[in-house]
Structures are given as C-alpha cells and as structure tokens.
Amino acid sequence: MSILIYFILGLITFVLIIAIIGFLSPGSVHLQVSRKINAGPEDIFAEVGDFENFITWSPWSAKDPKMTHRFEGERLSVGSKYSWKGNKQVGTGSLEITHIVANRIVVYDMIFGQGANTTKCAFKLEPEADGTTISWIMDSEMGRNPFSRFMGRIMTKFVTKDFNEGLNNLSNKLANK
C-alpha cells in the first residue's frame, strides 16, 4: 500500500510542478525562423503564397505521404484556403490567407485540430543583393490555462525544428529549379 501512496504523491507533485511552470509561462508564443535563400522574392513568393506549391516543400508532407489535401479559392490571393487530414503526426487543420502583398508578405490563419484557437502565421520576404531573406513567423495565444501555457513552451521547440526543416526544403527546391 505504501508504494501506491508514493505513486499518488509523486503524480500530484508532477502535476503541481507542471501547473506552476504553466502559471509562470507567457500567455502567448512568438516564433520566428529566418533564412537567406539564393532566389528572388518572386520565386519564393510563388512557393509560400500558393498552397499547392507549399505542400511540395512543407515539413509536414513528408511525415504523412498519404495525407489528404483540399484547396479552395484563387491561388495567391486573400481567401485562398488549404485543409489537410493526416496521421497522428500531422493531424487535421487548415490555413487561410488573410493578407497578401506580392513578393513581400503572406499572412494566414492556421487552425490546427478541431475547435482549436486560430494562430496567426506569416512569411515575410526581404530582397537582398544576392538572394532573399525569408522569415516564417507564428504568433499564438495560449490563454490562461496553465497546461496550455506549458504546452506553448514545448510547442515552440518542435515548431522551430519544423520551420527550419521547411525552409531548408524550400531552399533546396529553389536551388534545383
């Protein structure tokens, strides 16, 4: 019986530690990954602003080759929407372009999972003499729930890795054109 008591106390301690870390964590997540790519902004814009091109270098496409894709609206324009349904690694969700300036910026809303909060994401392009710096940005409100805030800390690590992988894929795709 004493083993059960120690287990319960350990579990309670673990939950309290997670809750305290969550209460001390920020209520929002801001993430930005930037990379210089040896391509013009018009070539990069065609990849990030067109969801049918996006899936060819997206870091999540490789995680589920059987993922289903649905595209709506006019390409490279506000209201263009992409929805997916995949395995446990990629889940379900949608992206919808909310603001776009040709060869400069694409802003979109991302909804991941059912009933999830909307996350704001963007691709910003800055032309340079020998290429373009692209920034992949994500801003998400984690709310007041300490467990959601704790998950925001964990999410940042994984999303940063995925954004870096995606920008590497994009750079490689454009280098092979």
N, C-alpha and C. Protein backbone atom coordinates (compact mmCIF):
# COMPACT_ATOMS: atom_id res chain seq x y z
N MET A 1 0.82 -1.19 0.00
CA MET A 1 0.00 0.00 0.00
C MET A 1 0.86 1.25 0.00
N SER A 2 2.02 1.21 0.61
CA SER A 2 2.87 2.40 0.66
C SER A 2 3.40 2.78 -0.72
N ILE A 3 3.58 1.81 -1.61
CA ILE A 3 4.01 2.11 -2.97
C ILE A 3 2.94 2.94 -3.67
N LEU A 4 1.68 2.60 -3.49
CA LEU A 4 0.57 3.34 -4.08
C LEU A 4 0.54 4.78 -3.57
N ILE A 5 0.77 4.97 -2.29
CA ILE A 5 0.79 6.32 -1.71
C ILE A 5 1.93 7.14 -2.32
N TYR A 6 3.12 6.53 -2.43
CA TYR A 6 4.25 7.24 -3.04
C TYR A 6 3.97 7.59 -4.50
N PHE A 7 3.32 6.68 -5.21
CA PHE A 7 2.97 6.93 -6.60
C PHE A 7 2.00 8.11 -6.70
N ILE A 8 0.97 8.11 -5.88
CA ILE A 8 -0.02 9.20 -5.89
C ILE A 8 0.63 10.53 -5.52
N LEU A 9 1.47 10.52 -4.49
CA LEU A 9 2.18 11.76 -4.10
C LEU A 9 3.11 12.24 -5.22
N GLY A 10 3.79 11.30 -5.87
CA GLY A 10 4.65 11.66 -6.99
C GLY A 10 3.86 12.26 -8.14
N LEU A 11 2.71 11.68 -8.44
CA LEU A 11 1.85 12.18 -9.51
C LEU A 11 1.32 13.57 -9.18
N ILE A 12 0.89 13.77 -7.95
CA ILE A 12 0.40 15.09 -7.52
C ILE A 12 1.53 16.12 -7.61
N THR A 13 2.72 15.74 -7.18
CA THR A 13 3.87 16.65 -7.26
C THR A 13 4.17 17.02 -8.71
N PHE A 14 4.15 16.02 -9.59
CA PHE A 14 4.40 16.25 -11.01
C PHE A 14 3.38 17.23 -11.60
N VAL A 15 2.11 17.01 -11.32
CA VAL A 15 1.05 17.89 -11.84
C VAL A 15 1.21 19.30 -11.28
N LEU A 16 1.56 19.43 -10.01
CA LEU A 16 1.77 20.76 -9.42
C LEU A 16 2.95 21.47 -10.06
N ILE A 17 4.03 20.77 -10.33
CA ILE A 17 5.19 21.38 -10.98
C ILE A 17 4.81 21.87 -12.37
N ILE A 18 4.10 21.06 -13.14
CA ILE A 18 3.65 21.47 -14.48
C ILE A 18 2.74 22.69 -14.37
N ALA A 19 1.84 22.70 -13.41
CA ALA A 19 0.92 23.84 -13.22
C ALA A 19 1.70 25.11 -12.86
N ILE A 20 2.67 24.99 -11.97
CA ILE A 20 3.46 26.17 -11.58
C ILE A 20 4.24 26.69 -12.77
N ILE A 21 4.89 25.80 -13.52
CA ILE A 21 5.62 26.23 -14.72
C ILE A 21 4.65 26.90 -15.69
N GLY A 22 3.45 26.33 -15.84
CA GLY A 22 2.44 26.91 -16.72
C GLY A 22 2.01 28.30 -16.28
N PHE A 23 1.77 28.49 -14.99
CA PHE A 23 1.37 29.80 -14.48
C PHE A 23 2.48 30.84 -14.71
N LEU A 24 3.72 30.40 -14.67
CA LEU A 24 4.85 31.31 -14.86
C LEU A 24 5.21 31.51 -16.34
N SER A 25 4.60 30.73 -17.21
CA SER A 25 4.87 30.83 -18.66
C SER A 25 4.04 31.95 -19.27
N PRO A 26 4.54 32.53 -20.36
CA PRO A 26 3.79 33.61 -21.02
C PRO A 26 2.48 33.10 -21.63
N GLY A 27 1.54 34.00 -21.78
CA GLY A 27 0.23 33.67 -22.33
C GLY A 27 0.21 33.64 -23.84
N SER A 28 1.34 33.92 -24.47
CA SER A 28 1.40 33.88 -25.93
C SER A 28 2.76 33.33 -26.36
N VAL A 29 2.78 32.83 -27.58
CA VAL A 29 4.00 32.29 -28.16
C VAL A 29 4.31 33.08 -29.42
N HIS A 30 5.53 33.57 -29.53
CA HIS A 30 6.00 34.21 -30.76
C HIS A 30 7.22 33.43 -31.23
N LEU A 31 7.18 33.04 -32.47
CA LEU A 31 8.25 32.24 -33.04
C LEU A 31 8.61 32.82 -34.40
N GLN A 32 9.89 32.96 -34.67
CA GLN A 32 10.34 33.46 -35.97
C GLN A 32 11.62 32.74 -36.35
N VAL A 33 11.59 32.13 -37.53
CA VAL A 33 12.75 31.46 -38.09
C VAL A 33 13.05 32.14 -39.42
N SER A 34 14.28 32.58 -39.59
CA SER A 34 14.67 33.29 -40.82
C SER A 34 15.81 32.56 -41.50
N ARG A 35 15.86 32.71 -42.82
CA ARG A 35 16.90 32.07 -43.61
C ARG A 35 17.10 32.87 -44.88
N LYS A 36 18.32 33.00 -45.29
CA LYS A 36 18.63 33.63 -46.58
C LYS A 36 18.62 32.53 -47.64
N ILE A 37 17.86 32.78 -48.71
CA ILE A 37 17.75 31.82 -49.80
C ILE A 37 18.25 32.49 -51.07
N ASN A 38 19.00 31.74 -51.84
CA ASN A 38 19.58 32.25 -53.08
C ASN A 38 18.54 32.19 -54.20
N ALA A 39 17.53 33.05 -54.08
CA ALA A 39 16.45 33.14 -55.07
C ALA A 39 15.79 34.50 -54.90
N GLY A 40 15.14 34.94 -55.96
CA GLY A 40 14.45 36.22 -55.91
C GLY A 40 13.15 36.12 -55.14
N PRO A 41 12.65 37.26 -54.65
CA PRO A 41 11.41 37.23 -53.87
C PRO A 41 10.21 36.71 -54.68
N GLU A 42 10.21 36.93 -55.99
CA GLU A 42 9.08 36.45 -56.80
C GLU A 42 9.03 34.93 -56.85
N ASP A 43 10.20 34.27 -56.89
CA ASP A 43 10.23 32.80 -56.89
C ASP A 43 9.78 32.25 -55.54
N ILE A 44 10.23 32.86 -54.47
CA ILE A 44 9.87 32.41 -53.13
C ILE A 44 8.39 32.68 -52.87
N PHE A 45 7.92 33.85 -53.29
CA PHE A 45 6.52 34.22 -53.11
C PHE A 45 5.59 33.19 -53.77
N ALA A 46 5.95 32.73 -54.95
CA ALA A 46 5.13 31.73 -55.65
C ALA A 46 5.04 30.43 -54.86
N GLU A 47 6.04 30.14 -54.06
CA GLU A 47 6.05 28.91 -53.26
C GLU A 47 5.27 29.08 -51.95
N VAL A 48 5.43 30.21 -51.29
CA VAL A 48 4.79 30.39 -49.97
C VAL A 48 3.36 30.90 -50.09
N GLY A 49 3.01 31.54 -51.18
CA GLY A 49 1.67 32.11 -51.33
C GLY A 49 0.69 31.20 -52.05
N ASP A 50 1.19 30.11 -52.59
CA ASP A 50 0.35 29.16 -53.32
C ASP A 50 0.39 27.83 -52.56
N PHE A 51 -0.71 27.47 -51.93
CA PHE A 51 -0.74 26.28 -51.09
C PHE A 51 -0.43 25.00 -51.85
N GLU A 52 -0.74 24.96 -53.15
CA GLU A 52 -0.42 23.76 -53.93
C GLU A 52 1.09 23.61 -54.10
N ASN A 53 1.82 24.72 -54.09
CA ASN A 53 3.28 24.66 -54.09
C ASN A 53 3.80 24.40 -52.67
N PHE A 54 3.15 25.01 -51.69
CA PHE A 54 3.56 24.89 -50.29
C PHE A 54 3.71 23.42 -49.86
N ILE A 55 2.76 22.58 -50.26
CA ILE A 55 2.80 21.19 -49.80
C ILE A 55 3.98 20.41 -50.39
N THR A 56 4.62 20.93 -51.45
CA THR A 56 5.74 20.21 -52.05
C THR A 56 7.02 20.33 -51.23
N TRP A 57 7.10 21.34 -50.37
CA TRP A 57 8.30 21.51 -49.53
C TRP A 57 7.97 21.59 -48.04
N SER A 58 6.70 21.56 -47.70
CA SER A 58 6.27 21.64 -46.30
C SER A 58 6.91 20.51 -45.48
N PRO A 59 7.37 20.81 -44.28
CA PRO A 59 7.97 19.76 -43.45
C PRO A 59 6.98 18.67 -43.04
N TRP A 60 5.71 18.98 -43.09
CA TRP A 60 4.70 18.02 -42.64
C TRP A 60 4.29 17.05 -43.74
N SER A 61 4.51 17.40 -44.99
CA SER A 61 4.14 16.49 -46.09
C SER A 61 4.91 15.18 -46.01
N ALA A 62 6.17 15.23 -45.64
CA ALA A 62 6.99 14.02 -45.54
C ALA A 62 6.57 13.15 -44.36
N LYS A 63 5.95 13.74 -43.35
CA LYS A 63 5.56 12.98 -42.16
C LYS A 63 4.33 12.11 -42.41
N ASP A 64 3.58 12.44 -43.47
CA ASP A 64 2.43 11.61 -43.84
C ASP A 64 2.18 11.72 -45.34
N PRO A 65 2.86 10.87 -46.13
CA PRO A 65 2.68 10.91 -47.59
C PRO A 65 1.24 10.61 -48.03
N LYS A 66 0.43 9.99 -47.16
CA LYS A 66 -0.95 9.66 -47.51
C LYS A 66 -1.94 10.74 -47.06
N MET A 67 -1.43 11.84 -46.56
CA MET A 67 -2.27 12.94 -46.09
C MET A 67 -3.16 13.43 -47.24
N THR A 68 -4.42 13.74 -46.92
CA THR A 68 -5.31 14.28 -47.95
C THR A 68 -5.27 15.81 -47.89
N HIS A 69 -5.35 16.43 -49.06
CA HIS A 69 -5.26 17.88 -49.20
C HIS A 69 -6.52 18.39 -49.91
N ARG A 70 -6.96 19.56 -49.49
CA ARG A 70 -8.09 20.21 -50.16
C ARG A 70 -7.75 21.69 -50.32
N PHE A 71 -7.92 22.21 -51.53
CA PHE A 71 -7.60 23.60 -51.84
C PHE A 71 -8.87 24.32 -52.27
N GLU A 72 -9.04 25.55 -51.78
CA GLU A 72 -10.20 26.36 -52.13
C GLU A 72 -9.74 27.77 -52.46
N GLY A 73 -10.48 28.43 -53.30
CA GLY A 73 -10.22 29.83 -53.62
C GLY A 73 -9.15 30.01 -54.68
N GLU A 74 -8.97 31.26 -55.03
CA GLU A 74 -8.00 31.63 -56.06
C GLU A 74 -6.58 31.60 -55.48
N ARG A 75 -5.68 31.00 -56.22
CA ARG A 75 -4.28 30.93 -55.78
C ARG A 75 -3.70 32.33 -55.60
N LEU A 76 -2.78 32.45 -54.64
CA LEU A 76 -2.06 33.70 -54.38
C LEU A 76 -2.98 34.88 -54.09
N SER A 77 -4.06 34.62 -53.35
CA SER A 77 -4.98 35.71 -53.04
C SER A 77 -5.62 35.51 -51.67
N VAL A 78 -6.11 36.62 -51.11
CA VAL A 78 -6.81 36.57 -49.83
C VAL A 78 -8.02 35.65 -49.97
N GLY A 79 -8.21 34.78 -49.00
CA GLY A 79 -9.31 33.83 -49.02
C GLY A 79 -8.91 32.45 -49.52
N SER A 80 -7.74 32.36 -50.14
CA SER A 80 -7.24 31.05 -50.57
C SER A 80 -7.09 30.18 -49.33
N LYS A 81 -7.57 28.93 -49.41
CA LYS A 81 -7.59 28.08 -48.23
C LYS A 81 -7.06 26.69 -48.56
N TYR A 82 -6.34 26.14 -47.60
CA TYR A 82 -5.81 24.78 -47.70
C TYR A 82 -6.20 24.03 -46.44
N SER A 83 -6.79 22.84 -46.62
CA SER A 83 -7.15 21.99 -45.48
C SER A 83 -6.47 20.64 -45.66
N TRP A 84 -6.12 20.01 -44.55
CA TRP A 84 -5.48 18.71 -44.62
C TRP A 84 -6.06 17.79 -43.56
N LYS A 85 -5.88 16.51 -43.81
CA LYS A 85 -6.25 15.49 -42.85
C LYS A 85 -5.20 14.40 -42.96
N GLY A 86 -4.55 14.10 -41.82
CA GLY A 86 -3.47 13.13 -41.88
C GLY A 86 -3.38 12.26 -40.66
N ASN A 87 -2.23 11.64 -40.51
CA ASN A 87 -1.98 10.73 -39.39
C ASN A 87 -1.79 11.51 -38.08
N LYS A 88 -1.38 10.81 -37.02
CA LYS A 88 -1.22 11.44 -35.71
C LYS A 88 -0.14 12.52 -35.72
N GLN A 89 0.87 12.38 -36.57
CA GLN A 89 1.95 13.37 -36.60
C GLN A 89 1.51 14.70 -37.19
N VAL A 90 0.60 14.68 -38.16
CA VAL A 90 0.19 15.94 -38.81
C VAL A 90 -1.23 16.37 -38.45
N GLY A 91 -2.05 15.45 -37.99
CA GLY A 91 -3.40 15.79 -37.57
C GLY A 91 -4.27 16.36 -38.67
N THR A 92 -5.20 17.22 -38.28
CA THR A 92 -6.08 17.90 -39.23
C THR A 92 -6.00 19.40 -38.97
N GLY A 93 -6.29 20.17 -39.99
CA GLY A 93 -6.29 21.61 -39.82
C GLY A 93 -6.48 22.33 -41.13
N SER A 94 -6.30 23.65 -41.06
CA SER A 94 -6.46 24.47 -42.26
C SER A 94 -5.61 25.73 -42.15
N LEU A 95 -5.28 26.26 -43.32
CA LEU A 95 -4.60 27.54 -43.46
C LEU A 95 -5.45 28.40 -44.38
N GLU A 96 -5.59 29.68 -44.06
CA GLU A 96 -6.33 30.59 -44.94
C GLU A 96 -5.60 31.92 -45.01
N ILE A 97 -5.32 32.36 -46.23
CA ILE A 97 -4.62 33.62 -46.42
C ILE A 97 -5.54 34.78 -46.05
N THR A 98 -5.05 35.68 -45.18
CA THR A 98 -5.84 36.83 -44.73
C THR A 98 -5.27 38.15 -45.22
N HIS A 99 -4.00 38.15 -45.63
CA HIS A 99 -3.36 39.37 -46.13
C HIS A 99 -2.21 38.95 -47.04
N ILE A 100 -2.07 39.68 -48.13
CA ILE A 100 -1.01 39.31 -49.07
C ILE A 100 -0.53 40.56 -49.80
N VAL A 101 0.78 40.69 -49.93
CA VAL A 101 1.39 41.74 -50.74
C VAL A 101 2.41 41.03 -51.62
N ALA A 102 2.20 41.08 -52.92
CA ALA A 102 3.03 40.33 -53.86
C ALA A 102 4.51 40.54 -53.59
N ASN A 103 5.23 39.42 -53.52
CA ASN A 103 6.68 39.38 -53.36
C ASN A 103 7.19 39.97 -52.05
N ARG A 104 6.30 40.19 -51.08
CA ARG A 104 6.70 40.79 -49.80
C ARG A 104 6.21 40.02 -48.57
N ILE A 105 4.90 39.71 -48.54
CA ILE A 105 4.35 39.10 -47.32
C ILE A 105 3.11 38.26 -47.64
N VAL A 106 2.98 37.15 -46.92
CA VAL A 106 1.77 36.33 -46.94
C VAL A 106 1.42 36.08 -45.48
N VAL A 107 0.22 36.50 -45.07
CA VAL A 107 -0.25 36.29 -43.71
C VAL A 107 -1.42 35.32 -43.79
N TYR A 108 -1.41 34.34 -42.89
CA TYR A 108 -2.50 33.38 -42.91
C TYR A 108 -2.90 32.97 -41.50
N ASP A 109 -4.16 32.55 -41.38
CA ASP A 109 -4.67 31.98 -40.14
C ASP A 109 -4.49 30.48 -40.21
N MET A 110 -4.03 29.90 -39.13
CA MET A 110 -3.89 28.46 -39.05
C MET A 110 -4.78 27.94 -37.93
N ILE A 111 -5.57 26.95 -38.25
CA ILE A 111 -6.37 26.26 -37.25
C ILE A 111 -5.91 24.82 -37.28
N PHE A 112 -5.39 24.37 -36.16
CA PHE A 112 -4.86 23.01 -36.06
C PHE A 112 -5.78 22.21 -35.16
N GLY A 113 -6.38 21.18 -35.70
CA GLY A 113 -7.31 20.36 -34.93
C GLY A 113 -8.69 20.98 -34.90
N GLN A 114 -9.59 20.28 -34.28
CA GLN A 114 -10.97 20.74 -34.23
C GLN A 114 -11.18 21.59 -32.98
N GLY A 115 -11.79 22.74 -33.16
CA GLY A 115 -12.09 23.62 -32.05
C GLY A 115 -10.88 24.34 -31.48
N ALA A 116 -9.78 24.30 -32.22
CA ALA A 116 -8.55 24.94 -31.73
C ALA A 116 -8.60 26.44 -31.97
N ASN A 117 -7.77 27.15 -31.24
CA ASN A 117 -7.65 28.59 -31.45
C ASN A 117 -6.99 28.87 -32.78
N THR A 118 -7.25 30.04 -33.31
CA THR A 118 -6.62 30.47 -34.54
C THR A 118 -5.23 31.01 -34.22
N THR A 119 -4.26 30.55 -34.97
CA THR A 119 -2.89 31.00 -34.83
C THR A 119 -2.55 31.85 -36.05
N LYS A 120 -1.93 32.99 -35.83
CA LYS A 120 -1.51 33.86 -36.93
C LYS A 120 -0.11 33.45 -37.37
N CYS A 121 0.06 33.28 -38.67
CA CYS A 121 1.36 32.94 -39.23
C CYS A 121 1.63 33.84 -40.42
N ALA A 122 2.90 33.95 -40.78
CA ALA A 122 3.25 34.79 -41.92
C ALA A 122 4.59 34.35 -42.51
N PHE A 123 4.74 34.67 -43.78
CA PHE A 123 6.03 34.61 -44.46
C PHE A 123 6.36 36.02 -44.87
N LYS A 124 7.51 36.53 -44.44
CA LYS A 124 7.96 37.86 -44.84
C LYS A 124 9.20 37.70 -45.69
N LEU A 125 9.25 38.43 -46.81
CA LEU A 125 10.37 38.35 -47.74
C LEU A 125 11.09 39.69 -47.80
N GLU A 126 12.40 39.64 -47.64
CA GLU A 126 13.22 40.85 -47.72
C GLU A 126 14.28 40.64 -48.78
N PRO A 127 14.13 41.33 -49.94
CA PRO A 127 15.11 41.17 -51.01
C PRO A 127 16.48 41.71 -50.60
N GLU A 128 17.51 41.00 -51.04
CA GLU A 128 18.89 41.43 -50.82
C GLU A 128 19.63 41.32 -52.14
N ALA A 129 20.84 41.83 -52.18
CA ALA A 129 21.62 41.84 -53.42
C ALA A 129 21.85 40.43 -53.97
N ASP A 130 22.05 39.47 -53.10
CA ASP A 130 22.38 38.12 -53.56
C ASP A 130 21.37 37.07 -53.09
N GLY A 131 20.12 37.43 -53.01
CA GLY A 131 19.08 36.49 -52.60
C GLY A 131 17.97 37.19 -51.85
N THR A 132 17.27 36.42 -51.03
CA THR A 132 16.13 36.93 -50.27
C THR A 132 16.15 36.31 -48.88
N THR A 133 15.94 37.13 -47.87
CA THR A 133 15.76 36.61 -46.52
C THR A 133 14.28 36.37 -46.30
N ILE A 134 13.96 35.13 -45.96
CA ILE A 134 12.57 34.77 -45.68
C ILE A 134 12.44 34.51 -44.18
N SER A 135 11.38 35.03 -43.60
CA SER A 135 11.08 34.79 -42.19
C SER A 135 9.73 34.08 -42.11
N TRP A 136 9.72 32.97 -41.41
CA TRP A 136 8.48 32.21 -41.16
C TRP A 136 8.12 32.52 -39.72
N ILE A 137 6.95 33.13 -39.52
CA ILE A 137 6.56 33.68 -38.22
C ILE A 137 5.27 33.03 -37.75
N MET A 138 5.19 32.80 -36.44
CA MET A 138 3.97 32.26 -35.84
C MET A 138 3.70 32.99 -34.53
N ASP A 139 2.46 33.42 -34.34
CA ASP A 139 2.01 34.04 -33.09
C ASP A 139 0.76 33.31 -32.64
N SER A 140 0.79 32.81 -31.41
CA SER A 140 -0.34 32.04 -30.90
C SER A 140 -0.64 32.44 -29.46
N GLU A 141 -1.90 32.65 -29.17
CA GLU A 141 -2.35 32.93 -27.81
C GLU A 141 -2.59 31.61 -27.11
N MET A 142 -2.00 31.45 -25.94
CA MET A 142 -2.12 30.20 -25.20
C MET A 142 -3.21 30.27 -24.12
N GLY A 143 -3.76 31.45 -23.90
CA GLY A 143 -4.84 31.59 -22.94
C GLY A 143 -4.36 31.60 -21.50
N ARG A 144 -5.27 31.40 -20.58
CA ARG A 144 -4.95 31.48 -19.15
C ARG A 144 -4.70 30.10 -18.53
N ASN A 145 -5.06 29.06 -19.24
CA ASN A 145 -4.90 27.71 -18.72
C ASN A 145 -3.41 27.38 -18.57
N PRO A 146 -2.95 27.04 -17.36
CA PRO A 146 -1.53 26.79 -17.16
C PRO A 146 -1.00 25.60 -17.97
N PHE A 147 -1.85 24.62 -18.22
CA PHE A 147 -1.40 23.47 -19.00
C PHE A 147 -1.24 23.85 -20.47
N SER A 148 -2.10 24.73 -20.99
CA SER A 148 -1.93 25.24 -22.36
C SER A 148 -0.65 26.06 -22.46
N ARG A 149 -0.39 26.88 -21.47
CA ARG A 149 0.83 27.68 -21.46
C ARG A 149 2.07 26.80 -21.41
N PHE A 150 2.02 25.74 -20.62
CA PHE A 150 3.14 24.80 -20.57
C PHE A 150 3.34 24.16 -21.94
N MET A 151 2.25 23.79 -22.59
CA MET A 151 2.34 23.20 -23.93
C MET A 151 2.93 24.19 -24.93
N GLY A 152 2.68 25.48 -24.73
CA GLY A 152 3.29 26.50 -25.59
C GLY A 152 4.80 26.45 -25.54
N ARG A 153 5.35 26.20 -24.35
CA ARG A 153 6.81 26.07 -24.22
C ARG A 153 7.32 24.88 -25.02
N ILE A 154 6.61 23.77 -24.92
CA ILE A 154 7.02 22.56 -25.64
C ILE A 154 6.82 22.73 -27.14
N MET A 155 5.69 23.32 -27.52
CA MET A 155 5.37 23.52 -28.93
C MET A 155 6.45 24.33 -29.64
N THR A 156 6.98 25.33 -28.98
CA THR A 156 7.99 26.20 -29.58
C THR A 156 9.19 25.39 -30.07
N LYS A 157 9.62 24.44 -29.29
CA LYS A 157 10.78 23.61 -29.66
C LYS A 157 10.49 22.83 -30.95
N PHE A 158 9.33 22.18 -31.01
CA PHE A 158 9.01 21.34 -32.17
C PHE A 158 8.71 22.17 -33.41
N VAL A 159 8.01 23.27 -33.25
CA VAL A 159 7.66 24.09 -34.40
C VAL A 159 8.92 24.75 -34.98
N THR A 160 9.84 25.18 -34.12
CA THR A 160 11.09 25.76 -34.61
C THR A 160 11.83 24.75 -35.48
N LYS A 161 11.89 23.52 -35.03
CA LYS A 161 12.54 22.45 -35.81
C LYS A 161 11.84 22.27 -37.16
N ASP A 162 10.51 22.22 -37.15
CA ASP A 162 9.75 22.05 -38.39
C ASP A 162 9.93 23.24 -39.33
N PHE A 163 9.90 24.46 -38.80
CA PHE A 163 10.10 25.64 -39.65
C PHE A 163 11.48 25.62 -40.29
N ASN A 164 12.50 25.27 -39.52
CA ASN A 164 13.85 25.17 -40.09
C ASN A 164 13.91 24.12 -41.19
N GLU A 165 13.30 22.97 -40.96
CA GLU A 165 13.26 21.91 -41.96
C GLU A 165 12.53 22.39 -43.22
N GLY A 166 11.41 23.07 -43.04
CA GLY A 166 10.65 23.57 -44.18
C GLY A 166 11.44 24.57 -45.01
N LEU A 167 12.12 25.50 -44.34
CA LEU A 167 12.91 26.50 -45.08
C LEU A 167 14.09 25.84 -45.78
N ASN A 168 14.66 24.80 -45.19
CA ASN A 168 15.72 24.03 -45.87
C ASN A 168 15.16 23.36 -47.12
N ASN A 169 13.97 22.74 -46.99
CA ASN A 169 13.32 22.10 -48.14
C ASN A 169 13.04 23.12 -49.25
N LEU A 170 12.55 24.29 -48.86
CA LEU A 170 12.26 25.34 -49.83
C LEU A 170 13.53 25.79 -50.53
N SER A 171 14.58 26.01 -49.77
CA SER A 171 15.86 26.43 -50.36
C SER A 171 16.37 25.39 -51.35
N ASN A 172 16.30 24.11 -50.96
CA ASN A 172 16.74 23.03 -51.85
C ASN A 172 15.88 22.95 -53.11
N LYS A 173 14.59 23.12 -52.97
CA LYS A 173 13.69 23.07 -54.13
C LYS A 173 14.03 24.19 -55.10
N LEU A 174 14.23 25.39 -54.59
CA LEU A 174 14.53 26.53 -55.46
C LEU A 174 15.93 26.42 -56.07
N ALA A 175 16.87 25.80 -55.37
CA ALA A 175 18.23 25.63 -55.90
C ALA A 175 18.22 24.64 -57.07
N ASN A 176 17.25 23.72 -57.07
CA ASN A 176 17.19 22.70 -58.13
C ASN A 176 16.31 23.09 -59.30
N LYS A 177 15.82 24.31 -59.31
CA LYS A 177 14.96 24.78 -60.42
C LYS A 177 15.79 25.11 -61.63
